[in-house]
Amino acid sequence: MASVRDLKKDINYVLGDIIEAVYFWEASNGKKTTKEGSDLIDEAIAVFDDLIVKVNQNVENRSKHLKAVKAELEEKATSLVEKLNKLG
């Protein structure tokens, strides 16, 4: 298992890229902000907060727990990207 620091970086980069993509989508459509974009950004921030809390939890089987957090990141990021793709 990669280090906790690397997992936190992955969470930050993946969700940050999704938020950046929302801003890019809004700019490319000539809009400053949209309700759909704001909702998606709020959801990405909520996912970030939730995952960071989970990473910082003290659990008995740390390795298994971190693998589950990484899997959850992949699942939720995929869902967010699908929602982003539907905005177009």
N, C-alpha and C. Protein backbone atom coordinates (compact mmCIF):
# COMPACT_ATOMS: atom_id res chain seq x y z
N MET A 1 0.85 -1.19 0.00
CA MET A 1 0.00 0.00 0.00
C MET A 1 0.88 1.23 0.00
N ALA A 2 0.50 2.18 -0.82
CA ALA A 2 1.23 3.44 -0.86
C ALA A 2 1.06 4.17 0.47
N SER A 3 1.88 5.14 0.66
CA SER A 3 1.84 5.87 1.92
C SER A 3 0.55 6.69 2.06
N VAL A 4 0.25 7.04 3.28
CA VAL A 4 -0.92 7.86 3.56
C VAL A 4 -0.78 9.21 2.85
N ARG A 5 0.41 9.73 2.85
CA ARG A 5 0.66 11.01 2.19
C ARG A 5 0.32 10.92 0.70
N ASP A 6 0.72 9.82 0.06
CA ASP A 6 0.42 9.65 -1.36
C ASP A 6 -1.08 9.53 -1.61
N LEU A 7 -1.78 8.84 -0.72
CA LEU A 7 -3.23 8.71 -0.87
C LEU A 7 -3.90 10.07 -0.73
N LYS A 8 -3.44 10.86 0.24
CA LYS A 8 -4.01 12.20 0.41
C LYS A 8 -3.74 13.06 -0.84
N LYS A 9 -2.56 12.93 -1.42
CA LYS A 9 -2.25 13.66 -2.65
C LYS A 9 -3.16 13.21 -3.78
N ASP A 10 -3.37 11.89 -3.90
CA ASP A 10 -4.26 11.38 -4.94
C ASP A 10 -5.66 11.96 -4.80
N ILE A 11 -6.17 11.97 -3.57
CA ILE A 11 -7.50 12.52 -3.32
C ILE A 11 -7.54 13.98 -3.75
N ASN A 12 -6.54 14.73 -3.35
CA ASN A 12 -6.47 16.16 -3.67
C ASN A 12 -6.39 16.39 -5.18
N TYR A 13 -5.50 15.67 -5.86
CA TYR A 13 -5.31 15.88 -7.29
C TYR A 13 -6.53 15.46 -8.10
N VAL A 14 -7.08 14.30 -7.80
CA VAL A 14 -8.21 13.79 -8.58
C VAL A 14 -9.42 14.72 -8.44
N LEU A 15 -9.78 15.05 -7.22
CA LEU A 15 -10.94 15.90 -7.02
C LEU A 15 -10.67 17.33 -7.47
N GLY A 16 -9.44 17.79 -7.32
CA GLY A 16 -9.06 19.11 -7.82
C GLY A 16 -9.18 19.20 -9.33
N ASP A 17 -8.77 18.13 -10.00
CA ASP A 17 -8.89 18.10 -11.47
C ASP A 17 -10.34 18.13 -11.91
N ILE A 18 -11.21 17.45 -11.17
CA ILE A 18 -12.63 17.45 -11.51
C ILE A 18 -13.21 18.86 -11.34
N ILE A 19 -12.84 19.52 -10.25
CA ILE A 19 -13.32 20.89 -10.02
C ILE A 19 -12.80 21.82 -11.11
N GLU A 20 -11.54 21.65 -11.47
CA GLU A 20 -10.97 22.47 -12.54
C GLU A 20 -11.70 22.22 -13.87
N ALA A 21 -12.08 20.98 -14.12
CA ALA A 21 -12.81 20.66 -15.35
C ALA A 21 -14.18 21.32 -15.37
N VAL A 22 -14.82 21.43 -14.22
CA VAL A 22 -16.10 22.12 -14.15
C VAL A 22 -15.91 23.60 -14.50
N TYR A 23 -14.89 24.22 -13.93
CA TYR A 23 -14.61 25.63 -14.25
C TYR A 23 -14.32 25.80 -15.73
N PHE A 24 -13.57 24.86 -16.31
CA PHE A 24 -13.26 24.92 -17.74
C PHE A 24 -14.53 24.79 -18.56
N TRP A 25 -15.41 23.86 -18.17
CA TRP A 25 -16.67 23.68 -18.88
C TRP A 25 -17.50 24.95 -18.85
N GLU A 26 -17.58 25.56 -17.67
CA GLU A 26 -18.35 26.80 -17.55
C GLU A 26 -17.75 27.90 -18.43
N ALA A 27 -16.44 28.03 -18.41
CA ALA A 27 -15.78 29.08 -19.21
C ALA A 27 -15.94 28.83 -20.71
N SER A 28 -15.87 27.56 -21.10
CA SER A 28 -15.98 27.26 -22.53
C SER A 28 -17.40 27.44 -23.04
N ASN A 29 -18.37 27.48 -22.13
CA ASN A 29 -19.75 27.72 -22.53
C ASN A 29 -20.16 29.17 -22.34
N GLY A 30 -19.19 30.03 -22.04
CA GLY A 30 -19.45 31.45 -21.92
C GLY A 30 -20.22 31.85 -20.67
N LYS A 31 -20.16 31.00 -19.66
CA LYS A 31 -20.88 31.28 -18.43
C LYS A 31 -19.87 31.43 -17.30
N LYS A 32 -20.15 32.32 -16.37
CA LYS A 32 -19.27 32.44 -15.21
C LYS A 32 -19.53 31.30 -14.24
N THR A 33 -20.77 31.12 -13.86
CA THR A 33 -21.13 30.02 -12.98
C THR A 33 -22.50 29.50 -13.37
N THR A 34 -22.73 28.24 -13.09
CA THR A 34 -24.03 27.63 -13.32
C THR A 34 -24.43 26.88 -12.06
N LYS A 35 -25.70 26.67 -11.91
CA LYS A 35 -26.19 25.91 -10.75
C LYS A 35 -25.65 24.49 -10.81
N GLU A 36 -25.68 23.89 -12.00
CA GLU A 36 -25.20 22.51 -12.15
C GLU A 36 -23.71 22.42 -11.81
N GLY A 37 -22.94 23.38 -12.29
CA GLY A 37 -21.51 23.40 -12.00
C GLY A 37 -21.23 23.59 -10.52
N SER A 38 -21.95 24.51 -9.91
CA SER A 38 -21.77 24.75 -8.47
C SER A 38 -22.14 23.53 -7.65
N ASP A 39 -23.22 22.85 -8.04
CA ASP A 39 -23.62 21.63 -7.33
C ASP A 39 -22.56 20.54 -7.45
N LEU A 40 -21.98 20.41 -8.62
CA LEU A 40 -20.95 19.40 -8.84
C LEU A 40 -19.68 19.73 -8.03
N ILE A 41 -19.33 20.99 -7.98
CA ILE A 41 -18.17 21.41 -7.18
C ILE A 41 -18.43 21.16 -5.70
N ASP A 42 -19.63 21.49 -5.24
CA ASP A 42 -19.98 21.23 -3.83
C ASP A 42 -19.90 19.75 -3.50
N GLU A 43 -20.36 18.91 -4.43
CA GLU A 43 -20.30 17.47 -4.22
C GLU A 43 -18.85 16.98 -4.17
N ALA A 44 -18.00 17.50 -5.05
CA ALA A 44 -16.59 17.11 -5.05
C ALA A 44 -15.91 17.52 -3.74
N ILE A 45 -16.25 18.68 -3.23
CA ILE A 45 -15.68 19.14 -1.96
C ILE A 45 -16.16 18.26 -0.81
N ALA A 46 -17.42 17.87 -0.84
CA ALA A 46 -17.95 16.98 0.20
C ALA A 46 -17.27 15.62 0.16
N VAL A 47 -17.03 15.11 -1.04
CA VAL A 47 -16.33 13.83 -1.19
C VAL A 47 -14.91 13.96 -0.65
N PHE A 48 -14.24 15.06 -0.97
CA PHE A 48 -12.89 15.30 -0.47
C PHE A 48 -12.87 15.28 1.05
N ASP A 49 -13.77 16.05 1.67
CA ASP A 49 -13.82 16.11 3.13
C ASP A 49 -14.06 14.74 3.74
N ASP A 50 -15.00 14.00 3.17
CA ASP A 50 -15.34 12.67 3.67
C ASP A 50 -14.15 11.71 3.58
N LEU A 51 -13.46 11.72 2.44
CA LEU A 51 -12.33 10.80 2.25
C LEU A 51 -11.15 11.16 3.15
N ILE A 52 -10.89 12.43 3.34
CA ILE A 52 -9.78 12.84 4.22
C ILE A 52 -10.07 12.41 5.66
N VAL A 53 -11.30 12.55 6.09
CA VAL A 53 -11.67 12.09 7.44
C VAL A 53 -11.43 10.59 7.56
N LYS A 54 -11.81 9.85 6.53
CA LYS A 54 -11.62 8.40 6.56
C LYS A 54 -10.14 8.03 6.57
N VAL A 55 -9.32 8.74 5.82
CA VAL A 55 -7.88 8.45 5.81
C VAL A 55 -7.28 8.67 7.19
N ASN A 56 -7.75 9.67 7.89
CA ASN A 56 -7.19 10.02 9.20
C ASN A 56 -7.74 9.20 10.36
N GLN A 57 -8.69 8.32 10.10
CA GLN A 57 -9.25 7.48 11.16
C GLN A 57 -8.21 6.48 11.66
N ASN A 58 -8.25 6.22 12.95
CA ASN A 58 -7.43 5.16 13.52
C ASN A 58 -8.24 3.87 13.53
N VAL A 59 -7.80 2.90 12.75
CA VAL A 59 -8.50 1.62 12.65
C VAL A 59 -7.50 0.50 12.91
N GLU A 60 -8.04 -0.67 13.19
CA GLU A 60 -7.18 -1.80 13.52
C GLU A 60 -6.38 -2.29 12.32
N ASN A 61 -7.03 -2.52 11.20
CA ASN A 61 -6.34 -3.00 10.00
C ASN A 61 -6.19 -1.81 9.04
N ARG A 62 -5.14 -1.04 9.25
CA ARG A 62 -4.92 0.21 8.51
C ARG A 62 -4.78 -0.02 7.00
N SER A 63 -4.04 -1.03 6.61
CA SER A 63 -3.81 -1.29 5.19
C SER A 63 -5.11 -1.59 4.46
N LYS A 64 -5.93 -2.43 5.02
CA LYS A 64 -7.21 -2.78 4.41
C LYS A 64 -8.11 -1.55 4.34
N HIS A 65 -8.10 -0.76 5.39
CA HIS A 65 -8.92 0.45 5.44
C HIS A 65 -8.50 1.43 4.35
N LEU A 66 -7.21 1.63 4.17
CA LEU A 66 -6.73 2.57 3.16
C LEU A 66 -7.03 2.09 1.75
N LYS A 67 -6.97 0.78 1.54
CA LYS A 67 -7.34 0.23 0.23
C LYS A 67 -8.81 0.50 -0.05
N ALA A 68 -9.64 0.38 0.97
CA ALA A 68 -11.07 0.66 0.80
C ALA A 68 -11.29 2.14 0.49
N VAL A 69 -10.53 3.02 1.12
CA VAL A 69 -10.65 4.46 0.85
C VAL A 69 -10.24 4.75 -0.58
N LYS A 70 -9.17 4.12 -1.04
CA LYS A 70 -8.71 4.32 -2.42
C LYS A 70 -9.77 3.83 -3.42
N ALA A 71 -10.38 2.69 -3.12
CA ALA A 71 -11.44 2.17 -3.99
C ALA A 71 -12.64 3.12 -4.01
N GLU A 72 -12.96 3.68 -2.85
CA GLU A 72 -14.07 4.63 -2.76
C GLU A 72 -13.76 5.89 -3.56
N LEU A 73 -12.51 6.34 -3.51
CA LEU A 73 -12.09 7.50 -4.31
C LEU A 73 -12.33 7.23 -5.79
N GLU A 74 -11.91 6.07 -6.25
CA GLU A 74 -12.07 5.73 -7.66
C GLU A 74 -13.55 5.69 -8.05
N GLU A 75 -14.37 5.11 -7.19
CA GLU A 75 -15.80 4.99 -7.46
C GLU A 75 -16.47 6.36 -7.52
N LYS A 76 -16.19 7.20 -6.53
CA LYS A 76 -16.83 8.50 -6.46
C LYS A 76 -16.31 9.44 -7.53
N ALA A 77 -15.03 9.34 -7.86
CA ALA A 77 -14.46 10.18 -8.92
C ALA A 77 -15.09 9.82 -10.27
N THR A 78 -15.28 8.53 -10.50
CA THR A 78 -15.92 8.08 -11.73
C THR A 78 -17.34 8.63 -11.83
N SER A 79 -18.05 8.59 -10.73
CA SER A 79 -19.41 9.12 -10.70
C SER A 79 -19.43 10.62 -10.99
N LEU A 80 -18.50 11.36 -10.39
CA LEU A 80 -18.43 12.80 -10.63
C LEU A 80 -18.08 13.12 -12.08
N VAL A 81 -17.18 12.35 -12.67
CA VAL A 81 -16.81 12.57 -14.07
C VAL A 81 -18.00 12.27 -14.99
N GLU A 82 -18.77 11.24 -14.67
CA GLU A 82 -19.96 10.94 -15.47
C GLU A 82 -20.96 12.10 -15.40
N LYS A 83 -21.14 12.67 -14.21
CA LYS A 83 -22.03 13.83 -14.06
C LYS A 83 -21.50 15.02 -14.85
N LEU A 84 -20.19 15.21 -14.82
CA LEU A 84 -19.56 16.30 -15.57
C LEU A 84 -19.79 16.11 -17.07
N ASN A 85 -19.64 14.90 -17.54
CA ASN A 85 -19.84 14.63 -18.97
C ASN A 85 -21.28 14.87 -19.40
N LYS A 86 -22.23 14.70 -18.49
CA LYS A 86 -23.64 14.93 -18.82
C LYS A 86 -23.97 16.42 -18.90
N LEU A 87 -23.12 17.28 -18.33
CA LEU A 87 -23.37 18.71 -18.37
C LEU A 87 -23.31 19.25 -19.79
N GLY A 88 -22.44 18.68 -20.60
CA GLY A 88 -22.22 19.16 -21.95
C GLY A 88 -23.42 19.10 -22.79
